[in-house]
Amino acid sequence: MWTGRAKIRGIMTCRAGASAAALALLVSAGVVVLAAGQQFRSATGVVRLPVIVTDREGGVVRGLTRESFEVFEGGVRQDVQYFAEGGADDALPLRLGLLLDTSGSMELDLKDAMTAVIRFVNACDEAADVTFVDFDRTVQLGRFSPQSYPMLYGRIRSRRPGDTTALYDALGVYLQAAGGRRGQHVLLLYTDGGDTASSITFSDVVRMLRAADVLVYVVGYLEHQPGSARVYQQMQMTRLANETGGEAFFPASLDAVDQAYDRILERIRFRYTLGYVPSTPPDGGYHRVEVKLASPDDHPGVRIRTRAGYHVHASDARR
């Protein structure tokens, strides 16, 4: 089990908005993710894209090849030099991240969310480890290997509803922890979508996600939220997932949670990974990407999900 910044009980804790030191930690998280080596591009300059192809019913489309895809950056077609189907990759182990909202607004849904988290870990046996972040106003992070999952489950079950919600800070802390680790990073976020206590903003989180190599899935518990807040929070959570090539689900029942889990596991296990070296060395800033099927008429009605683009820090572009 990894133990955070300090090797004390396996937890890194930050009380969002509570002090200048806490704010400095969260601001530095953004700097690290945006500037430290660009996880989204490897040391050799390869841009890797997770790609999920689904049919009209939402099931994944399998059996495609490298030649099935076309990749464009800034409207210019790129040469796909790396291709893989499926989540298994010994060179890039699956790093599963879990963010659990334990704030007071989750009180009616927290028990179900806890059960859902544990069930998902049990089902996702491809994961090399789990980075778990639980948060209300305080953000706590720990990393667990499969051998230490019983400790993870105990920690999940011990949580009680807290007070305010530092959702964006929790995402920032997670991205800081994931930024320097080699692997395929998949994050599941369990939340009602409201943020009331963070030191960083939604826009900060979007910029950090654009610079990170993390595929985000959201399980949004919005049934107990006021109607006006529900629409806004659903829109925000969907935006975060879409930026990374992931997806947001908003189940209204336990059966719907199970269906969302099946979909997420299927997408993790049967995604494609495409890699290319940009034909023009990218300068600093945001670079939009697009993935298309080379022969779309052969697969009518399919939908392709991937990252909207990637961010290059100016210092990386000059290297």
Foldseek 3Di string as FASTA:
>chain_A
DDQPPDNDPQKDKAQAPPDPVSLVVLVVLLVCLAPPCQQCAHPVQKHKKWKFKAFQVLATDFDDDPQQKWKDWPNHTFDWDDKDWFQDDPQAQEEEEEEAEQAPVCQVPLVVVLVLVLVLVVVCPSHQKYWYWYDFSMIMIGIGGPVCVVVVNVVSVPGHHHHHHAPLSNLSVVLSVCRVDGHQAEYEYEEQQDHDGHPDDLVSSLQSLQRGRYQYEYAHANPPPDPVVNVVSVVSVQVNNQQALGGYDYDPDPVSSVVVSVSVSSSNGGIMMTMGRDPDQDAFAWMAMDMDTPCQVVRPRMDMTIHRTHGHHRVRSVD
